[in-house]
Amino acid sequence: QDRKTGAYQLSPQREDIAHFMHRDPGENYYGLG
């Protein structure tokens, strides 16, 4: 699930973008090359 208190940052005034997701403490993350 996305972060309930704000998930996406998309603005025509700014070049940067962002995506925020909820994080469960028991999740593991792999990859990123």
PDB file of all heavy atoms in Angstrom:
ATOM      1  N   GLN A   1       0.841  -1.196   0.000  1.00  0.00           N
ATOM      2  CA  GLN A   1       0.000   0.000   0.000  1.00  0.00           C
ATOM      3  C   GLN A   1       0.873   1.241   0.000  1.00  0.00           C
ATOM      4  O   GLN A   1       1.982   1.257   0.539  1.00  0.00           O
ATOM      5  CB  GLN A   1      -0.942   0.010   1.200  1.00  0.00           C
ATOM      6  CG  GLN A   1      -0.273  -0.063   2.549  1.00  0.00           C
ATOM      7  CD  GLN A   1      -1.278  -0.060   3.690  1.00  0.00           C
ATOM      8  OE1 GLN A   1      -2.164   0.795   3.744  1.00  0.00           O
ATOM      9  NE2 GLN A   1      -1.155  -1.027   4.583  1.00  0.00           N
ATOM     10  N   ASP A   2       0.341   2.273  -0.627  1.00  0.00           N
ATOM     11  CA  ASP A   2       1.016   3.560  -0.592  1.00  0.00           C
ATOM     12  C   ASP A   2       0.927   4.159   0.813  1.00  0.00           C
ATOM     13  O   ASP A   2       0.083   3.770   1.631  1.00  0.00           O
ATOM     14  CB  ASP A   2       0.362   4.520  -1.588  1.00  0.00           C
ATOM     15  CG  ASP A   2       0.734   4.203  -3.025  1.00  0.00           C
ATOM     16  OD1 ASP A   2       1.812   3.616  -3.234  1.00  0.00           O
ATOM     17  OD2 ASP A   2      -0.054   4.539  -3.930  1.00  0.00           O
ATOM     18  N   ARG A   3       1.798   5.130   1.100  1.00  0.00           N
ATOM     19  CA  ARG A   3       1.738   5.847   2.370  1.00  0.00           C
ATOM     20  C   ARG A   3       0.456   6.676   2.412  1.00  0.00           C
ATOM     21  O   ARG A   3       0.177   7.463   1.500  1.00  0.00           O
ATOM     22  CB  ARG A   3       2.965   6.751   2.516  1.00  0.00           C
ATOM     23  CG  ARG A   3       3.123   7.365   3.897  1.00  0.00           C
ATOM     24  CD  ARG A   3       4.392   8.184   4.001  1.00  0.00           C
ATOM     25  NE  ARG A   3       4.328   9.414   3.211  1.00  0.00           N
ATOM     26  CZ  ARG A   3       5.290  10.335   3.190  1.00  0.00           C
ATOM     27  NH1 ARG A   3       6.402  10.158   3.890  1.00  0.00           N
ATOM     28  NH2 ARG A   3       5.168  11.420   2.441  1.00  0.00           N
ATOM     29  N   LYS A   4      -0.319   6.498   3.455  1.00  0.00           N
ATOM     30  CA  LYS A   4      -1.623   7.154   3.530  1.00  0.00           C
ATOM     31  C   LYS A   4      -1.491   8.664   3.693  1.00  0.00           C
ATOM     32  O   LYS A   4      -2.381   9.420   3.284  1.00  0.00           O
ATOM     33  CB  LYS A   4      -2.428   6.568   4.689  1.00  0.00           C
ATOM     34  CG  LYS A   4      -2.792   5.103   4.494  1.00  0.00           C
ATOM     35  CD  LYS A   4      -3.586   4.564   5.673  1.00  0.00           C
ATOM     36  CE  LYS A   4      -3.944   3.096   5.459  1.00  0.00           C
ATOM     37  NZ  LYS A   4      -4.710   2.543   6.606  1.00  0.00           N
ATOM     38  N   THR A   5      -0.419   9.128   4.319  1.00  0.00           N
ATOM     39  CA  THR A   5      -0.232  10.565   4.568  1.00  0.00           C
ATOM     40  C   THR A   5       0.607  11.211   3.476  1.00  0.00           C
ATOM     41  O   THR A   5       1.510  12.000   3.741  1.00  0.00           O
ATOM     42  CB  THR A   5       0.441  10.767   5.941  1.00  0.00           C
ATOM     43  OG1 THR A   5       1.586   9.904   6.023  1.00  0.00           O
ATOM     44  CG2 THR A   5      -0.518  10.437   7.069  1.00  0.00           C
ATOM     45  N   GLY A   6       0.313  10.867   2.246  1.00  0.00           N
ATOM     46  CA  GLY A   6       1.033  11.455   1.122  1.00  0.00           C
ATOM     47  C   GLY A   6       1.891  10.436   0.421  1.00  0.00           C
ATOM     48  O   GLY A   6       2.854   9.941   0.991  1.00  0.00           O
ATOM     49  N   ALA A   7       1.522  10.075  -0.803  1.00  0.00           N
ATOM     50  CA  ALA A   7       2.228   9.012  -1.516  1.00  0.00           C
ATOM     51  C   ALA A   7       3.018   9.506  -2.720  1.00  0.00           C
ATOM     52  O   ALA A   7       4.037   8.917  -3.060  1.00  0.00           O
ATOM     53  CB  ALA A   7       1.238   7.946  -1.966  1.00  0.00           C
ATOM     54  N   TYR A   8       2.552  10.595  -3.382  1.00  0.00           N
ATOM     55  CA  TYR A   8       3.185  11.015  -4.634  1.00  0.00           C
ATOM     56  C   TYR A   8       3.521  12.490  -4.593  1.00  0.00           C
ATOM     57  O   TYR A   8       2.749  13.305  -4.076  1.00  0.00           O
ATOM     58  CB  TYR A   8       2.255  10.743  -5.830  1.00  0.00           C
ATOM     59  CG  TYR A   8       1.906   9.288  -5.989  1.00  0.00           C
ATOM     60  CD1 TYR A   8       0.738   8.767  -5.429  1.00  0.00           C
ATOM     61  CD2 TYR A   8       2.746   8.428  -6.685  1.00  0.00           C
ATOM     62  CE1 TYR A   8       0.417   7.428  -5.562  1.00  0.00           C
ATOM     63  CE2 TYR A   8       2.440   7.082  -6.824  1.00  0.00           C
ATOM     64  CZ  TYR A   8       1.278   6.585  -6.258  1.00  0.00           C
ATOM     65  OH  TYR A   8       0.971   5.269  -6.391  1.00  0.00           O
ATOM     66  N   GLN A   9       4.685  12.829  -5.126  1.00  0.00           N
ATOM     67  CA  GLN A   9       5.068  14.216  -5.312  1.00  0.00           C
ATOM     68  C   GLN A   9       5.308  14.448  -6.795  1.00  0.00           C
ATOM     69  O   GLN A   9       6.276  13.940  -7.367  1.00  0.00           O
ATOM     70  CB  GLN A   9       6.324  14.558  -4.508  1.00  0.00           C
ATOM     71  CG  GLN A   9       6.096  14.599  -3.009  1.00  0.00           C
ATOM     72  CD  GLN A   9       7.347  14.984  -2.233  1.00  0.00           C
ATOM     73  OE1 GLN A   9       8.421  15.110  -2.809  1.00  0.00           O
ATOM     74  NE2 GLN A   9       7.201  15.149  -0.928  1.00  0.00           N
ATOM     75  N   LEU A  10       4.403  15.188  -7.407  1.00  0.00           N
ATOM     76  CA  LEU A  10       4.496  15.531  -8.814  1.00  0.00           C
ATOM     77  C   LEU A  10       4.099  16.992  -8.942  1.00  0.00           C
ATOM     78  O   LEU A  10       2.969  17.365  -8.607  1.00  0.00           O
ATOM     79  CB  LEU A  10       3.551  14.667  -9.660  1.00  0.00           C
ATOM     80  CG  LEU A  10       3.782  13.152  -9.623  1.00  0.00           C
ATOM     81  CD1 LEU A  10       2.579  12.406 -10.170  1.00  0.00           C
ATOM     82  CD2 LEU A  10       5.010  12.803 -10.443  1.00  0.00           C
ATOM     83  N   SER A  11       5.016  17.809  -9.423  1.00  0.00           N
ATOM     84  CA  SER A  11       4.721  19.239  -9.463  1.00  0.00           C
ATOM     85  C   SER A  11       5.253  19.840 -10.747  1.00  0.00           C
ATOM     86  O   SER A  11       6.409  19.605 -11.107  1.00  0.00           O
ATOM     87  CB  SER A  11       5.357  19.942  -8.262  1.00  0.00           C
ATOM     88  OG  SER A  11       5.262  21.344  -8.393  1.00  0.00           O
ATOM     89  N   PRO A  12       4.426  20.625 -11.438  1.00  0.00           N
ATOM     90  CA  PRO A  12       4.919  21.280 -12.664  1.00  0.00           C
ATOM     91  C   PRO A  12       5.964  22.347 -12.380  1.00  0.00           C
ATOM     92  O   PRO A  12       6.708  22.738 -13.270  1.00  0.00           O
ATOM     93  CB  PRO A  12       3.642  21.890 -13.263  1.00  0.00           C
ATOM     94  CG  PRO A  12       2.707  22.049 -12.108  1.00  0.00           C
ATOM     95  CD  PRO A  12       3.005  20.919 -11.179  1.00  0.00           C
ATOM     96  N   GLN A  13       6.039  22.813 -11.124  1.00  0.00           N
ATOM     97  CA  GLN A  13       7.026  23.825 -10.777  1.00  0.00           C
ATOM     98  C   GLN A  13       8.388  23.227 -10.420  1.00  0.00           C
ATOM     99  O   GLN A  13       9.385  23.940 -10.325  1.00  0.00           O
ATOM    100  CB  GLN A  13       6.544  24.669  -9.586  1.00  0.00           C
ATOM    101  CG  GLN A  13       5.481  25.706  -9.959  1.00  0.00           C
ATOM    102  CD  GLN A  13       4.117  25.069 -10.166  1.00  0.00           C
ATOM    103  OE1 GLN A  13       3.716  24.193  -9.400  1.00  0.00           O
ATOM    104  NE2 GLN A  13       3.409  25.507 -11.202  1.00  0.00           N
ATOM    105  N   ARG A  14       8.427  21.895 -10.195  1.00  0.00           N
ATOM    106  CA  ARG A  14       9.679  21.256  -9.784  1.00  0.00           C
ATOM    107  C   ARG A  14       9.978  20.074 -10.696  1.00  0.00           C
ATOM    108  O   ARG A  14       9.077  19.427 -11.217  1.00  0.00           O
ATOM    109  CB  ARG A  14       9.576  20.783  -8.336  1.00  0.00           C
ATOM    110  CG  ARG A  14       9.338  21.907  -7.336  1.00  0.00           C
ATOM    111  CD  ARG A  14       9.142  21.359  -5.940  1.00  0.00           C
ATOM    112  NE  ARG A  14      10.279  20.556  -5.499  1.00  0.00           N
ATOM    113  CZ  ARG A  14      10.334  19.940  -4.320  1.00  0.00           C
ATOM    114  NH1 ARG A  14       9.318  20.012  -3.488  1.00  0.00           N
ATOM    115  NH2 ARG A  14      11.402  19.242  -3.983  1.00  0.00           N
ATOM    116  N   GLU A  15      11.255  19.779 -10.864  1.00  0.00           N
ATOM    117  CA  GLU A  15      11.639  18.662 -11.715  1.00  0.00           C
ATOM    118  C   GLU A  15      11.635  17.340 -10.966  1.00  0.00           C
ATOM    119  O   GLU A  15      11.455  16.280 -11.562  1.00  0.00           O
ATOM    120  CB  GLU A  15      13.038  18.909 -12.301  1.00  0.00           C
ATOM    121  CG  GLU A  15      13.089  20.107 -13.249  1.00  0.00           C
ATOM    122  CD  GLU A  15      14.497  20.422 -13.693  1.00  0.00           C
ATOM    123  OE1 GLU A  15      15.445  20.024 -12.976  1.00  0.00           O
ATOM    124  OE2 GLU A  15      14.663  21.054 -14.743  1.00  0.00           O
ATOM    125  N   ASP A  16      11.854  17.373  -9.632  1.00  0.00           N
ATOM    126  CA  ASP A  16      11.984  16.122  -8.894  1.00  0.00           C
ATOM    127  C   ASP A  16      10.618  15.483  -8.653  1.00  0.00           C
ATOM    128  O   ASP A  16       9.583  16.155  -8.612  1.00  0.00           O
ATOM    129  CB  ASP A  16      12.707  16.350  -7.568  1.00  0.00           C
ATOM    130  CG  ASP A  16      11.981  17.335  -6.673  1.00  0.00           C
ATOM    131  OD1 ASP A  16      11.636  18.419  -7.172  1.00  0.00           O
ATOM    132  OD2 ASP A  16      11.740  17.014  -5.499  1.00  0.00           O
ATOM    133  N   ILE A  17      10.637  14.166  -8.508  1.00  0.00           N
ATOM    134  CA  ILE A  17       9.430  13.383  -8.273  1.00  0.00           C
ATOM    135  C   ILE A  17       9.700  12.423  -7.120  1.00  0.00           C
ATOM    136  O   ILE A  17      10.851  12.157  -6.764  1.00  0.00           O
ATOM    137  CB  ILE A  17       9.013  12.582  -9.530  1.00  0.00           C
ATOM    138  CG1 ILE A  17      10.154  11.641  -9.962  1.00  0.00           C
ATOM    139  CG2 ILE A  17       8.608  13.513 -10.661  1.00  0.00           C
ATOM    140  CD1 ILE A  17       9.787  10.708 -11.078  1.00  0.00           C
ATOM    141  N   ALA A  18       8.622  11.886  -6.530  1.00  0.00           N
ATOM    142  CA  ALA A  18       8.794  10.959  -5.416  1.00  0.00           C
ATOM    143  C   ALA A  18       7.587  10.045  -5.306  1.00  0.00           C
ATOM    144  O   ALA A  18       6.468  10.396  -5.719  1.00  0.00           O
ATOM    145  CB  ALA A  18       9.001  11.717  -4.106  1.00  0.00           C
ATOM    146  N   HIS A  19       7.835   8.874  -4.736  1.00  0.00           N
ATOM    147  CA  HIS A  19       6.788   7.894  -4.439  1.00  0.00           C
ATOM    148  C   HIS A  19       7.080   7.317  -3.062  1.00  0.00           C
ATOM    149  O   HIS A  19       8.192   6.843  -2.808  1.00  0.00           O
ATOM    150  CB  HIS A  19       6.778   6.785  -5.500  1.00  0.00           C
ATOM    151  CG  HIS A  19       5.767   5.718  -5.243  1.00  0.00           C
ATOM    152  ND1 HIS A  19       5.948   4.399  -5.628  1.00  0.00           N
ATOM    153  CD2 HIS A  19       4.556   5.756  -4.631  1.00  0.00           C
ATOM    154  CE1 HIS A  19       4.900   3.680  -5.269  1.00  0.00           C
ATOM    155  NE2 HIS A  19       4.037   4.491  -4.661  1.00  0.00           N
ATOM    156  N   PHE A  20       6.077   7.363  -2.175  1.00  0.00           N
ATOM    157  CA  PHE A  20       6.222   6.872  -0.807  1.00  0.00           C
ATOM    158  C   PHE A  20       5.265   5.707  -0.588  1.00  0.00           C
ATOM    159  O   PHE A  20       4.082   5.786  -0.942  1.00  0.00           O
ATOM    160  CB  PHE A  20       5.902   7.984   0.203  1.00  0.00           C
ATOM    161  CG  PHE A  20       6.815   9.161   0.105  1.00  0.00           C
ATOM    162  CD1 PHE A  20       6.552  10.194  -0.790  1.00  0.00           C
ATOM    163  CD2 PHE A  20       7.946   9.242   0.906  1.00  0.00           C
ATOM    164  CE1 PHE A  20       7.399  11.290  -0.881  1.00  0.00           C
ATOM    165  CE2 PHE A  20       8.796  10.335   0.826  1.00  0.00           C
ATOM    166  CZ  PHE A  20       8.524  11.357  -0.080  1.00  0.00           C
ATOM    167  N   MET A  21       5.767   4.638   0.013  1.00  0.00           N
ATOM    168  CA  MET A  21       4.947   3.469   0.313  1.00  0.00           C
ATOM    169  C   MET A  21       5.016   3.148   1.805  1.00  0.00           C
ATOM    170  O   MET A  21       6.019   3.450   2.476  1.00  0.00           O
ATOM    171  CB  MET A  21       5.418   2.252  -0.496  1.00  0.00           C
ATOM    172  CG  MET A  21       5.207   2.378  -1.988  1.00  0.00           C
ATOM    173  SD  MET A  21       5.577   0.837  -2.854  1.00  0.00           S
ATOM    174  CE  MET A  21       4.222  -0.206  -2.291  1.00  0.00           C
ATOM    175  N   HIS A  22       3.962   2.544   2.289  1.00  0.00           N
ATOM    176  CA  HIS A  22       3.953   2.071   3.676  1.00  0.00           C
ATOM    177  C   HIS A  22       5.012   0.974   3.836  1.00  0.00           C
ATOM    178  O   HIS A  22       5.249   0.186   2.929  1.00  0.00           O
ATOM    179  CB  HIS A  22       2.568   1.523   4.028  1.00  0.00           C
ATOM    180  CG  HIS A  22       2.484   0.958   5.408  1.00  0.00           C
ATOM    181  ND1 HIS A  22       2.402   1.747   6.538  1.00  0.00           N
ATOM    182  CD2 HIS A  22       2.486  -0.332   5.845  1.00  0.00           C
ATOM    183  CE1 HIS A  22       2.356   0.968   7.607  1.00  0.00           C
ATOM    184  NE2 HIS A  22       2.404  -0.288   7.215  1.00  0.00           N
ATOM    185  N   ARG A  23       5.645   0.947   4.997  1.00  0.00           N
ATOM    186  CA  ARG A  23       6.682  -0.046   5.271  1.00  0.00           C
ATOM    187  C   ARG A  23       6.315  -0.849   6.514  1.00  0.00           C
ATOM    188  O   ARG A  23       6.133  -0.287   7.590  1.00  0.00           O
ATOM    189  CB  ARG A  23       8.042   0.643   5.471  1.00  0.00           C
ATOM    190  CG  ARG A  23       9.167  -0.290   5.895  1.00  0.00           C
ATOM    191  CD  ARG A  23      10.503   0.428   5.897  1.00  0.00           C
ATOM    192  NE  ARG A  23      10.508   1.609   6.759  1.00  0.00           N
ATOM    193  CZ  ARG A  23      10.738   1.581   8.069  1.00  0.00           C
ATOM    194  NH1 ARG A  23      10.957   0.404   8.685  1.00  0.00           N
ATOM    195  NH2 ARG A  23      10.741   2.697   8.777  1.00  0.00           N
ATOM    196  N   ASP A  24       6.199  -2.159   6.331  1.00  0.00           N
ATOM    197  CA  ASP A  24       5.973  -3.053   7.463  1.00  0.00           C
ATOM    198  C   ASP A  24       7.314  -3.475   8.047  1.00  0.00           C
ATOM    199  O   ASP A  24       8.272  -3.718   7.298  1.00  0.00           O
ATOM    200  CB  ASP A  24       5.191  -4.294   7.026  1.00  0.00           C
ATOM    201  CG  ASP A  24       3.728  -3.980   6.745  1.00  0.00           C
ATOM    202  OD1 ASP A  24       3.177  -3.135   7.471  1.00  0.00           O
ATOM    203  OD2 ASP A  24       3.161  -4.562   5.803  1.00  0.00           O
ATOM    204  N   PRO A  25       7.406  -3.614   9.369  1.00  0.00           N
ATOM    205  CA  PRO A  25       8.703  -3.948   9.985  1.00  0.00           C
ATOM    206  C   PRO A  25       9.235  -5.318   9.588  1.00  0.00           C
ATOM    207  O   PRO A  25      10.448  -5.542   9.636  1.00  0.00           O
ATOM    208  CB  PRO A  25       8.405  -3.873  11.487  1.00  0.00           C
ATOM    209  CG  PRO A  25       6.925  -4.011  11.599  1.00  0.00           C
ATOM    210  CD  PRO A  25       6.352  -3.383  10.371  1.00  0.00           C
ATOM    211  N   GLY A  26       8.362  -6.236   9.170  1.00  0.00           N
ATOM    212  CA  GLY A  26       8.823  -7.580   8.830  1.00  0.00           C
ATOM    213  C   GLY A  26       9.179  -7.772   7.373  1.00  0.00           C
ATOM    214  O   GLY A  26       9.521  -8.890   6.957  1.00  0.00           O
ATOM    215  N   GLU A  27       9.115  -6.700   6.587  1.00  0.00           N
ATOM    216  CA  GLU A  27       9.439  -6.826   5.167  1.00  0.00           C
ATOM    217  C   GLU A  27      10.952  -6.862   4.960  1.00  0.00           C
ATOM    218  O   GLU A  27      11.712  -6.220   5.679  1.00  0.00           O
ATOM    219  CB  GLU A  27       8.860  -5.641   4.384  1.00  0.00           C
ATOM    220  CG  GLU A  27       7.351  -5.641   4.304  1.00  0.00           C
ATOM    221  CD  GLU A  27       6.802  -4.410   3.604  1.00  0.00           C
ATOM    222  OE1 GLU A  27       7.527  -3.384   3.524  1.00  0.00           O
ATOM    223  OE2 GLU A  27       5.652  -4.470   3.143  1.00  0.00           O
ATOM    224  N   ASN A  28      11.377  -7.608   3.927  1.00  0.00           N
ATOM    225  CA  ASN A  28      12.765  -7.615   3.480  1.00  0.00           C
ATOM    226  C   ASN A  28      12.825  -7.079   2.062  1.00  0.00           C
ATOM    227  O   ASN A  28      11.882  -7.254   1.276  1.00  0.00           O
ATOM    228  CB  ASN A  28      13.361  -9.017   3.525  1.00  0.00           C
ATOM    229  CG  ASN A  28      13.527  -9.538   4.939  1.00  0.00           C
ATOM    230  OD1 ASN A  28      13.687  -8.766   5.878  1.00  0.00           O
ATOM    231  ND2 ASN A  28      13.503 -10.848   5.097  1.00  0.00           N
ATOM    232  N   TYR A  29      13.951  -6.452   1.719  1.00  0.00           N
ATOM    233  CA  TYR A  29      14.103  -5.833   0.405  1.00  0.00           C
ATOM    234  C   TYR A  29      15.397  -6.318  -0.249  1.00  0.00           C
ATOM    235  O   TYR A  29      16.464  -6.329   0.375  1.00  0.00           O
ATOM    236  CB  TYR A  29      14.127  -4.308   0.535  1.00  0.00           C
ATOM    237  CG  TYR A  29      12.971  -3.760   1.328  1.00  0.00           C
ATOM    238  CD1 TYR A  29      13.181  -3.116   2.554  1.00  0.00           C
ATOM    239  CD2 TYR A  29      11.657  -3.883   0.869  1.00  0.00           C
ATOM    240  CE1 TYR A  29      12.118  -2.614   3.288  1.00  0.00           C
ATOM    241  CE2 TYR A  29      10.591  -3.385   1.600  1.00  0.00           C
ATOM    242  CZ  TYR A  29      10.825  -2.757   2.814  1.00  0.00           C
ATOM    243  OH  TYR A  29       9.767  -2.274   3.544  1.00  0.00           O
ATOM    244  N   TYR A  30      15.290  -6.690  -1.519  1.00  0.00           N
ATOM    245  CA  TYR A  30      16.430  -7.225  -2.259  1.00  0.00           C
ATOM    246  C   TYR A  30      16.496  -6.580  -3.637  1.00  0.00           C
ATOM    247  O   TYR A  30      15.499  -6.132  -4.183  1.00  0.00           O
ATOM    248  CB  TYR A  30      16.306  -8.742  -2.414  1.00  0.00           C
ATOM    249  CG  TYR A  30      16.151  -9.482  -1.107  1.00  0.00           C
ATOM    250  CD1 TYR A  30      14.890  -9.864  -0.653  1.00  0.00           C
ATOM    251  CD2 TYR A  30      17.253  -9.775  -0.316  1.00  0.00           C
ATOM    252  CE1 TYR A  30      14.742 -10.540   0.553  1.00  0.00           C
ATOM    253  CE2 TYR A  30      17.119 -10.444   0.893  1.00  0.00           C
ATOM    254  CZ  TYR A  30      15.848 -10.825   1.326  1.00  0.00           C
ATOM    255  OH  TYR A  30      15.711 -11.475   2.526  1.00  0.00           O
ATOM    256  N   GLY A  31      17.682  -6.578  -4.207  1.00  0.00           N
ATOM    257  CA  GLY A  31      17.836  -6.075  -5.567  1.00  0.00           C
ATOM    258  C   GLY A  31      18.614  -4.788  -5.629  1.00  0.00           C
ATOM    259  O   GLY A  31      19.642  -4.620  -4.970  1.00  0.00           O
ATOM    260  N   LEU A  32      18.129  -3.841  -6.456  1.00  0.00           N
ATOM    261  CA  LEU A  32      18.796  -2.565  -6.744  1.00  0.00           C
ATOM    262  C   LEU A  32      20.124  -2.758  -7.480  1.00  0.00           C
ATOM    263  O   LEU A  32      20.949  -1.852  -7.531  1.00  0.00           O
ATOM    264  CB  LEU A  32      19.016  -1.745  -5.472  1.00  0.00           C
ATOM    265  CG  LEU A  32      17.735  -1.284  -4.753  1.00  0.00           C
ATOM    266  CD1 LEU A  32      18.094  -0.493  -3.504  1.00  0.00           C
ATOM    267  CD2 LEU A  32      16.863  -0.436  -5.671  1.00  0.00           C
ATOM    268  N   GLY A  33      20.315  -3.956  -8.030  1.00  0.00           N
ATOM    269  CA  GLY A  33      21.503  -4.173  -8.857  1.00  0.00           C
ATOM    270  C   GLY A  33      22.774  -4.224  -8.062  1.00  0.00           C
ATOM    271  O   GLY A  33      22.882  -4.914  -7.051  1.00  0.00           O
TER     272      GLY A  33
END
